[in-house]
Amino acid sequence: MKLRWILLLTIITIILFFINLLALMEVFPIYITSPLLFIAIFITLYLINHRKTFKGL
């Protein structure tokens, strides 16, 4: 299940990267595409690096 989410978010990140390139060519507003790309990268890396940790008592 986690692998599906990671794969899906990686595909979304790649798509948003190309949309951000279009924003650099002034096709889309960059102030909308940049935060979306940042959020997608952040969530993808969070899911990859998140581990079950013992928090203590």
PDB file of N, CA and C in Angstrom:
ATOM      1  N   MET A   1       0.828  -1.195   0.000  1.00  0.00           N
ATOM      2  CA  MET A   1       0.000   0.000   0.000  1.00  0.00           C
ATOM      3  C   MET A   1       0.868   1.253   0.000  1.00  0.00           C
ATOM      4  N   LYS A   2       1.921   1.238   0.839  1.00  0.00           N
ATOM      5  CA  LYS A   2       2.791   2.409   0.909  1.00  0.00           C
ATOM      6  C   LYS A   2       3.542   2.603  -0.408  1.00  0.00           C
ATOM      7  N   LEU A   3       3.903   1.499  -1.068  1.00  0.00           N
ATOM      8  CA  LEU A   3       4.621   1.595  -2.335  1.00  0.00           C
ATOM      9  C   LEU A   3       3.765   2.260  -3.408  1.00  0.00           C
ATOM     10  N   ARG A   4       2.462   1.981  -3.379  1.00  0.00           N
ATOM     11  CA  ARG A   4       1.564   2.627  -4.344  1.00  0.00           C
ATOM     12  C   ARG A   4       1.517   4.132  -4.145  1.00  0.00           C
ATOM     13  N   TRP A   5       1.459   4.565  -2.879  1.00  0.00           N
ATOM     14  CA  TRP A   5       1.432   5.998  -2.591  1.00  0.00           C
ATOM     15  C   TRP A   5       2.725   6.675  -3.034  1.00  0.00           C
ATOM     16  N   ILE A   6       3.849   6.015  -2.761  1.00  0.00           N
ATOM     17  CA  ILE A   6       5.141   6.584  -3.152  1.00  0.00           C
ATOM     18  C   ILE A   6       5.237   6.688  -4.667  1.00  0.00           C
ATOM     19  N   LEU A   7       4.788   5.651  -5.367  1.00  0.00           N
ATOM     20  CA  LEU A   7       4.811   5.671  -6.829  1.00  0.00           C
ATOM     21  C   LEU A   7       3.885   6.753  -7.381  1.00  0.00           C
ATOM     22  N   LEU A   8       2.692   6.857  -6.822  1.00  0.00           N
ATOM     23  CA  LEU A   8       1.749   7.872  -7.270  1.00  0.00           C
ATOM     24  C   LEU A   8       2.286   9.278  -7.033  1.00  0.00           C
ATOM     25  N   LEU A   9       2.841   9.518  -5.851  1.00  0.00           N
ATOM     26  CA  LEU A   9       3.366  10.849  -5.552  1.00  0.00           C
ATOM     27  C   LEU A   9       4.613  11.171  -6.368  1.00  0.00           C
ATOM     28  N   THR A  10       5.391  10.169  -6.727  1.00  0.00           N
ATOM     29  CA  THR A  10       6.540  10.405  -7.599  1.00  0.00           C
ATOM     30  C   THR A  10       6.074  10.821  -8.992  1.00  0.00           C
ATOM     31  N   ILE A  11       5.044  10.187  -9.488  1.00  0.00           N
ATOM     32  CA  ILE A  11       4.489  10.564 -10.796  1.00  0.00           C
ATOM     33  C   ILE A  11       3.909  11.969 -10.743  1.00  0.00           C
ATOM     34  N   ILE A  12       3.215  12.290  -9.662  1.00  0.00           N
ATOM     35  CA  ILE A  12       2.657  13.640  -9.499  1.00  0.00           C
ATOM     36  C   ILE A  12       3.773  14.670  -9.425  1.00  0.00           C
ATOM     37  N   THR A  13       4.869  14.342  -8.745  1.00  0.00           N
ATOM     38  CA  THR A  13       5.995  15.257  -8.645  1.00  0.00           C
ATOM     39  C   THR A  13       6.613  15.517 -10.017  1.00  0.00           C
ATOM     40  N   ILE A  14       6.748  14.485 -10.817  1.00  0.00           N
ATOM     41  CA  ILE A  14       7.311  14.653 -12.165  1.00  0.00           C
ATOM     42  C   ILE A  14       6.396  15.513 -13.026  1.00  0.00           C
ATOM     43  N   ILE A  15       5.095  15.275 -12.938  1.00  0.00           N
ATOM     44  CA  ILE A  15       4.135  16.082 -13.707  1.00  0.00           C
ATOM     45  C   ILE A  15       4.191  17.542 -13.268  1.00  0.00           C
ATOM     46  N   LEU A  16       4.232  17.766 -11.945  1.00  0.00           N
ATOM     47  CA  LEU A  16       4.294  19.144 -11.452  1.00  0.00           C
ATOM     48  C   LEU A  16       5.619  19.814 -11.800  1.00  0.00           C
ATOM     49  N   PHE A  17       6.681  19.035 -11.929  1.00  0.00           N
ATOM     50  CA  PHE A  17       7.960  19.600 -12.362  1.00  0.00           C
ATOM     51  C   PHE A  17       7.843  20.156 -13.779  1.00  0.00           C
ATOM     52  N   PHE A  18       7.213  19.398 -14.677  1.00  0.00           N
ATOM     53  CA  PHE A  18       7.051  19.881 -16.042  1.00  0.00           C
ATOM     54  C   PHE A  18       6.084  21.063 -16.112  1.00  0.00           C
ATOM     55  N   ILE A  19       5.072  21.062 -15.260  1.00  0.00           N
ATOM     56  CA  ILE A  19       4.175  22.222 -15.206  1.00  0.00           C
ATOM     57  C   ILE A  19       4.924  23.444 -14.696  1.00  0.00           C
ATOM     58  N   ASN A  20       5.844  23.226 -13.758  1.00  0.00           N
ATOM     59  CA  ASN A  20       6.648  24.332 -13.252  1.00  0.00           C
ATOM     60  C   ASN A  20       7.591  24.853 -14.342  1.00  0.00           C
ATOM     61  N   LEU A  21       8.096  23.975 -15.193  1.00  0.00           N
ATOM     62  CA  LEU A  21       8.900  24.435 -16.326  1.00  0.00           C
ATOM     63  C   LEU A  21       8.065  25.293 -17.276  1.00  0.00           C
ATOM     64  N   LEU A  22       6.821  24.910 -17.454  1.00  0.00           N
ATOM     65  CA  LEU A  22       5.931  25.742 -18.266  1.00  0.00           C
ATOM     66  C   LEU A  22       5.678  27.097 -17.604  1.00  0.00           C
ATOM     67  N   ALA A  23       5.649  27.099 -16.290  1.00  0.00           N
ATOM     68  CA  ALA A  23       5.464  28.362 -15.577  1.00  0.00           C
ATOM     69  C   ALA A  23       6.681  29.260 -15.748  1.00  0.00           C
ATOM     70  N   LEU A  24       7.853  28.665 -15.850  1.00  0.00           N
ATOM     71  CA  LEU A  24       9.043  29.472 -16.103  1.00  0.00           C
ATOM     72  C   LEU A  24       9.019  30.076 -17.505  1.00  0.00           C
ATOM     73  N   MET A  25       8.281  29.447 -18.415  1.00  0.00           N
ATOM     74  CA  MET A  25       8.094  30.002 -19.756  1.00  0.00           C
ATOM     75  C   MET A  25       6.868  30.905 -19.819  1.00  0.00           C
ATOM     76  N   GLU A  26       6.318  31.200 -18.658  1.00  0.00           N
ATOM     77  CA  GLU A  26       5.183  32.112 -18.488  1.00  0.00           C
ATOM     78  C   GLU A  26       3.904  31.611 -19.147  1.00  0.00           C
ATOM     79  N   VAL A  27       3.692  30.299 -19.122  1.00  0.00           N
ATOM     80  CA  VAL A  27       2.437  29.726 -19.587  1.00  0.00           C
ATOM     81  C   VAL A  27       1.441  29.666 -18.429  1.00  0.00           C
ATOM     82  N   PHE A  28       1.947  29.306 -17.247  1.00  0.00           N
ATOM     83  CA  PHE A  28       1.156  29.269 -16.023  1.00  0.00           C
ATOM     84  C   PHE A  28       1.766  30.236 -15.021  1.00  0.00           C
ATOM     85  N   PRO A  29       0.992  30.698 -14.043  1.00  0.00           N
ATOM     86  CA  PRO A  29       1.582  31.544 -12.996  1.00  0.00           C
ATOM     87  C   PRO A  29       2.508  30.733 -12.088  1.00  0.00           C
ATOM     88  N   ILE A  30       3.703  31.231 -11.886  1.00  0.00           N
ATOM     89  CA  ILE A  30       4.706  30.495 -11.118  1.00  0.00           C
ATOM     90  C   ILE A  30       4.383  30.502  -9.631  1.00  0.00           C
ATOM     91  N   TYR A  31       3.658  31.494  -9.151  1.00  0.00           N
ATOM     92  CA  TYR A  31       3.328  31.536  -7.731  1.00  0.00           C
ATOM     93  C   TYR A  31       2.274  30.493  -7.358  1.00  0.00           C
ATOM     94  N   ILE A  32       1.677  29.835  -8.329  1.00  0.00           N
ATOM     95  CA  ILE A  32       0.755  28.720  -8.054  1.00  0.00           C
ATOM     96  C   ILE A  32       1.487  27.387  -8.198  1.00  0.00           C
ATOM     97  N   THR A  33       2.338  27.261  -9.212  1.00  0.00           N
ATOM     98  CA  THR A  33       2.968  25.975  -9.477  1.00  0.00           C
ATOM     99  C   THR A  33       4.118  25.661  -8.524  1.00  0.00           C
ATOM    100  N   SER A  34       4.830  26.665  -8.067  1.00  0.00           N
ATOM    101  CA  SER A  34       5.966  26.415  -7.170  1.00  0.00           C
ATOM    102  C   SER A  34       5.542  25.826  -5.822  1.00  0.00           C
ATOM    103  N   PRO A  35       4.522  26.375  -5.143  1.00  0.00           N
ATOM    104  CA  PRO A  35       4.096  25.728  -3.893  1.00  0.00           C
ATOM    105  C   PRO A  35       3.555  24.316  -4.097  1.00  0.00           C
ATOM    106  N   LEU A  36       2.875  24.075  -5.213  1.00  0.00           N
ATOM    107  CA  LEU A  36       2.375  22.729  -5.480  1.00  0.00           C
ATOM    108  C   LEU A  36       3.524  21.739  -5.650  1.00  0.00           C
ATOM    109  N   LEU A  37       4.567  22.156  -6.361  1.00  0.00           N
ATOM    110  CA  LEU A  37       5.731  21.299  -6.535  1.00  0.00           C
ATOM    111  C   LEU A  37       6.425  21.050  -5.205  1.00  0.00           C
ATOM    112  N   PHE A  38       6.546  22.085  -4.387  1.00  0.00           N
ATOM    113  CA  PHE A  38       7.178  21.935  -3.080  1.00  0.00           C
ATOM    114  C   PHE A  38       6.405  20.961  -2.203  1.00  0.00           C
ATOM    115  N   ILE A  39       5.087  21.082  -2.175  1.00  0.00           N
ATOM    116  CA  ILE A  39       4.256  20.196  -1.349  1.00  0.00           C
ATOM    117  C   ILE A  39       4.369  18.755  -1.832  1.00  0.00           C
ATOM    118  N   ALA A  40       4.382  18.544  -3.142  1.00  0.00           N
ATOM    119  CA  ALA A  40       4.493  17.187  -3.682  1.00  0.00           C
ATOM    120  C   ALA A  40       5.841  16.560  -3.327  1.00  0.00           C
ATOM    121  N   ILE A  41       6.918  17.331  -3.436  1.00  0.00           N
ATOM    122  CA  ILE A  41       8.243  16.816  -3.074  1.00  0.00           C
ATOM    123  C   ILE A  41       8.303  16.532  -1.586  1.00  0.00           C
ATOM    124  N   PHE A  42       7.747  17.421  -0.784  1.00  0.00           N
ATOM    125  CA  PHE A  42       7.780  17.250   0.667  1.00  0.00           C
ATOM    126  C   PHE A  42       7.041  15.992   1.100  1.00  0.00           C
ATOM    127  N   ILE A  43       5.839  15.779   0.575  1.00  0.00           N
ATOM    128  CA  ILE A  43       5.047  14.611   0.959  1.00  0.00           C
ATOM    129  C   ILE A  43       5.711  13.325   0.473  1.00  0.00           C
ATOM    130  N   THR A  44       6.286  13.351  -0.741  1.00  0.00           N
ATOM    131  CA  THR A  44       6.974  12.169  -1.257  1.00  0.00           C
ATOM    132  C   THR A  44       8.159  11.789  -0.385  1.00  0.00           C
ATOM    133  N   LEU A  45       8.984  12.768  -0.040  1.00  0.00           N
ATOM    134  CA  LEU A  45      10.144  12.482   0.801  1.00  0.00           C
ATOM    135  C   LEU A  45       9.730  12.096   2.213  1.00  0.00           C
ATOM    136  N   TYR A  46       8.650  12.666   2.709  1.00  0.00           N
ATOM    137  CA  TYR A  46       8.168  12.295   4.041  1.00  0.00           C
ATOM    138  C   TYR A  46       7.744  10.831   4.075  1.00  0.00           C
ATOM    139  N   LEU A  47       7.014  10.386   3.054  1.00  0.00           N
ATOM    140  CA  LEU A  47       6.573   8.989   3.024  1.00  0.00           C
ATOM    141  C   LEU A  47       7.743   8.027   2.849  1.00  0.00           C
ATOM    142  N   ILE A  48       8.754   8.436   2.095  1.00  0.00           N
ATOM    143  CA  ILE A  48       9.916   7.566   1.906  1.00  0.00           C
ATOM    144  C   ILE A  48      10.712   7.448   3.201  1.00  0.00           C
ATOM    145  N   ASN A  49      10.867   8.546   3.937  1.00  0.00           N
ATOM    146  CA  ASN A  49      11.737   8.559   5.112  1.00  0.00           C
ATOM    147  C   ASN A  49      11.025   8.273   6.423  1.00  0.00           C
ATOM    148  N   HIS A  50       9.699   8.215   6.427  1.00  0.00           N
ATOM    149  CA  HIS A  50       8.964   8.005   7.669  1.00  0.00           C
ATOM    150  C   HIS A  50       9.108   6.558   8.119  1.00  0.00           C
ATOM    151  N   ARG A  51       9.487   6.398   9.369  1.00  0.00           N
ATOM    152  CA  ARG A  51       9.643   5.061   9.932  1.00  0.00           C
ATOM    153  C   ARG A  51       8.844   4.990  11.213  1.00  0.00           C
ATOM    154  N   LYS A  52       8.483   3.787  11.563  1.00  0.00           N
ATOM    155  CA  LYS A  52       7.826   3.595  12.848  1.00  0.00           C
ATOM    156  C   LYS A  52       8.891   3.740  13.934  1.00  0.00           C
ATOM    157  N   THR A  53       8.720   4.706  14.796  1.00  0.00           N
ATOM    158  CA  THR A  53       9.709   4.946  15.841  1.00  0.00           C
ATOM    159  C   THR A  53       9.050   4.791  17.190  1.00  0.00           C
ATOM    160  N   PHE A  54       9.817   4.383  18.164  1.00  0.00           N
ATOM    161  CA  PHE A  54       9.335   4.249  19.522  1.00  0.00           C
ATOM    162  C   PHE A  54       9.429   5.604  20.209  1.00  0.00           C
ATOM    163  N   LYS A  55       8.311   6.121  20.677  1.00  0.00           N
ATOM    164  CA  LYS A  55       8.284   7.451  21.267  1.00  0.00           C
ATOM    165  C   LYS A  55       8.536   7.432  22.767  1.00  0.00           C
ATOM    166  N   GLY A  56       8.564   6.293  23.359  1.00  0.00           N
ATOM    167  CA  GLY A  56       8.780   6.219  24.802  1.00  0.00           C
ATOM    168  C   GLY A  56       7.463   6.074  25.530  1.00  0.00           C
ATOM    169  N   LEU A  57       7.547   6.101  26.840  1.00  0.00           N
ATOM    170  CA  LEU A  57       6.343   5.906  27.638  1.00  0.00           C
ATOM    171  C   LEU A  57       5.673   7.212  27.970  1.00  0.00           C
TER     172      LEU A  57
END
